[in-house]
């Protein structure tokens, strides 16, 4: 009996190593859950990470998990990157979240869809040190200057950095 347990543990360890090695381009990958699947306009999602490689090119992604409660065909986001030297870059981004028939885009077989949204491509971090990325929703209703206070249907927001081969 102990041989079977050791074999099972060994198999789990091997599978774990294989799983981790399949994502060898990952530099940073983290998700933050949204309370009650309702993203407040006043709630910025922050990701802190350290960069030591100032030579390699990287692709940056914003990851969104949303349910069929999400009512819009697009998503407006304001993002900012704070550099170790104090410099800050702010971007306003728009992403398609549904096709022309209203069917939600993204991967997933349930009512939860995962969207890996391209943020920046082939960037080289100019400084080693601690960076901070802040992401907030900037949705508006049909031409209104007032934002949507609570954006329903978003369960998680993530940020990912992948090294370019």
Protein backbone atom coordinates (compact mmCIF):
# COMPACT_ATOMS: atom_id res chain seq x y z
CA UNK A 1 0.00 0.00 0.00
CA UNK A 2 2.74 2.62 0.75
CA UNK A 3 4.15 2.04 -2.76
CA UNK A 4 0.83 3.12 -4.31
CA UNK A 5 0.71 6.29 -2.23
CA UNK A 6 4.28 7.17 -3.19
CA UNK A 7 3.47 6.49 -6.84
CA UNK A 8 0.43 8.76 -6.64
CA UNK A 9 2.42 11.52 -4.98
CA UNK A 10 5.17 11.15 -7.57
CA UNK A 11 2.60 11.35 -10.40
CA UNK A 12 1.04 14.49 -8.91
CA UNK A 13 4.46 16.13 -8.59
CA UNK A 14 5.40 15.27 -12.18
CA UNK A 15 2.09 16.61 -13.49
CA UNK A 16 2.52 19.77 -11.42
CA UNK A 17 5.99 20.40 -12.81
CA UNK A 18 4.75 19.81 -16.37
CA UNK A 19 1.84 22.18 -15.83
CA UNK A 20 4.09 24.92 -14.48
CA UNK A 21 6.69 24.47 -17.22
CA UNK A 22 4.02 24.84 -19.93
CA UNK A 23 3.69 28.48 -18.84
CA UNK A 24 7.39 29.29 -19.02
CA UNK A 25 6.78 32.70 -20.66
CA UNK A 26 4.86 33.95 -17.63
CA UNK A 27 6.57 36.81 -15.84
CA UNK A 28 3.58 37.88 -13.72
CA UNK A 29 -0.02 36.65 -13.53
CA UNK A 30 -2.51 37.63 -10.85
CA UNK A 31 -6.28 37.98 -10.49
CA UNK A 32 -8.33 40.06 -8.07
CA UNK A 33 -11.93 39.12 -7.32
CA UNK A 34 -14.67 41.73 -7.62
CA UNK A 35 -17.04 41.75 -4.63
CA UNK A 36 -20.58 40.67 -5.60
CA UNK A 37 -19.57 40.67 -9.31
CA UNK A 38 -20.12 44.42 -9.32
CA UNK A 39 -17.16 46.63 -10.25
CA UNK A 40 -17.55 50.06 -8.69
CA UNK A 41 -16.43 53.06 -10.72
CA UNK A 42 -14.52 54.23 -7.64
CA UNK A 43 -12.64 50.93 -7.18
CA UNK A 44 -9.29 50.66 -8.92
CA UNK A 45 -7.72 47.22 -9.11
CA UNK A 46 -3.99 47.38 -8.35
CA UNK A 47 -1.22 44.96 -9.22
CA UNK A 48 2.27 45.33 -7.80
CA UNK A 49 5.19 43.43 -9.28
CA UNK A 50 8.96 43.55 -9.44
CA UNK A 51 10.93 43.66 -12.66
CA UNK A 52 14.59 42.61 -12.80
CA UNK A 53 14.90 41.96 -16.57
CA UNK A 54 15.37 45.23 -18.48
CA UNK A 55 16.41 43.56 -21.76
CA UNK A 56 13.61 41.16 -22.77
CA UNK A 57 10.47 42.16 -24.66
CA UNK A 58 7.14 41.53 -22.96
CA UNK A 59 3.45 41.49 -23.83
CA UNK A 60 0.99 42.83 -21.26
CA UNK A 61 -2.60 41.63 -20.89
CA UNK A 62 -5.65 42.63 -18.91
CA UNK A 63 -7.74 39.55 -18.07
CA UNK A 64 -11.46 39.86 -17.42
CA UNK A 65 -13.81 37.16 -16.17
CA UNK A 66 -17.42 38.08 -16.77
CA UNK A 67 -20.79 36.37 -16.59
CA UNK A 68 -23.88 36.68 -18.75
CA UNK A 69 -25.00 39.45 -16.37
CA UNK A 70 -22.61 41.72 -18.27
CA UNK A 71 -24.96 43.90 -20.33
CA UNK A 72 -22.64 45.71 -22.72
CA UNK A 73 -20.94 44.91 -26.02
CA UNK A 74 -17.74 46.69 -25.01
CA UNK A 75 -15.68 47.62 -21.97
CA UNK A 76 -13.86 50.90 -21.36
CA UNK A 77 -10.92 50.77 -18.99
CA UNK A 78 -8.52 53.37 -17.66
CA UNK A 79 -5.12 51.89 -16.88
CA UNK A 80 -2.00 53.39 -15.43
CA UNK A 81 1.51 52.06 -15.05
CA UNK A 82 3.64 53.58 -12.29
CA UNK A 83 7.38 53.10 -12.88
CA UNK A 84 10.04 52.76 -10.15
CA UNK A 85 11.40 56.22 -11.06
CA UNK A 86 8.00 57.89 -10.46
CA UNK A 87 6.98 58.16 -14.13
CA UNK A 88 3.34 57.31 -14.85
CA UNK A 89 1.63 56.35 -18.12
CA UNK A 90 -2.18 56.49 -18.31
CA UNK A 91 -4.20 54.87 -21.12
CA UNK A 92 -7.91 54.74 -21.94
CA UNK A 93 -8.72 51.40 -23.55
CA UNK A 94 -11.76 49.94 -25.27
CA UNK A 95 -12.38 46.22 -25.73
CA UNK A 96 -15.15 44.32 -27.50
CA UNK A 97 -16.95 41.99 -25.11
CA UNK A 98 -19.76 40.70 -27.37
CA UNK A 99 -20.23 39.96 -31.06
CA UNK A 100 -22.76 41.77 -33.29
CA UNK A 101 -25.48 39.31 -32.18
CA UNK A 102 -24.88 40.10 -28.50
CA UNK A 103 -23.14 36.79 -27.72
CA UNK A 104 -20.38 37.30 -25.16
CA UNK A 105 -16.84 36.82 -26.42
CA UNK A 106 -14.14 34.97 -24.52
CA UNK A 107 -13.31 31.41 -23.61
CA UNK A 108 -15.42 29.18 -21.42
CA UNK A 109 -18.22 26.69 -21.77
CA UNK A 110 -20.30 27.96 -18.85
CA UNK A 111 -21.85 31.39 -18.41
CA UNK A 112 -18.43 32.63 -17.17
CA UNK A 113 -16.21 33.90 -19.97
CA UNK A 114 -12.48 34.55 -19.73
CA UNK A 115 -11.15 37.39 -21.89
CA UNK A 116 -7.41 37.86 -22.38
CA UNK A 117 -7.24 41.44 -23.63
CA UNK A 118 -4.07 42.74 -25.24
CA UNK A 119 -2.76 45.80 -23.40
CA UNK A 120 0.78 46.50 -24.67
CA UNK A 121 2.99 44.50 -27.01
CA UNK A 122 6.75 44.08 -27.26
CA UNK A 123 7.59 46.45 -24.44
CA UNK A 124 10.88 46.46 -22.58
CA UNK A 125 10.72 47.60 -18.98
CA UNK A 126 13.29 50.42 -18.78
CA UNK A 127 14.03 50.14 -15.04
CA UNK A 128 14.42 47.32 -12.60
CA UNK A 129 12.36 47.71 -9.47
CA UNK A 130 8.77 47.79 -8.28
CA UNK A 131 5.98 48.67 -10.70
CA UNK A 132 2.29 49.24 -10.05
CA UNK A 133 -0.52 48.80 -12.57
CA UNK A 134 -3.91 50.26 -11.73
CA UNK A 135 -7.07 49.32 -13.68
CA UNK A 136 -10.50 50.91 -13.33
CA UNK A 137 -13.69 50.68 -15.34
CA UNK A 138 -14.79 53.79 -17.24
CA UNK A 139 -18.18 52.79 -18.65
CA UNK A 140 -20.81 55.39 -19.57
CA UNK A 141 -24.47 55.13 -20.56
CA UNK A 142 -25.33 56.18 -24.14
CA UNK A 143 -23.55 59.50 -24.42
CA UNK A 144 -23.95 60.46 -20.78
CA UNK A 145 -21.03 62.14 -19.05
CA UNK A 146 -21.96 60.29 -15.87
CA UNK A 147 -20.22 56.96 -15.43
CA UNK A 148 -21.87 53.68 -14.51
CA UNK A 149 -21.38 53.54 -10.75
CA UNK A 150 -21.63 49.73 -10.52
CA UNK A 151 -20.69 47.57 -13.51
CA UNK A 152 -22.43 44.21 -13.03
CA UNK A 153 -21.23 40.88 -14.37
CA UNK A 154 -17.47 41.25 -13.82
CA UNK A 155 -16.20 38.63 -11.35
CA UNK A 156 -12.41 38.99 -11.65
CA UNK A 157 -9.83 41.35 -13.10
CA UNK A 158 -6.35 40.10 -13.84
CA UNK A 159 -3.04 41.38 -15.11
CA UNK A 160 -0.50 39.24 -16.92
CA UNK A 161 3.01 39.78 -18.29
CA UNK A 162 4.43 37.29 -20.80
CA UNK A 163 7.99 37.25 -22.08
CA UNK A 164 8.12 37.38 -25.88
CA UNK A 165 10.15 34.57 -27.46
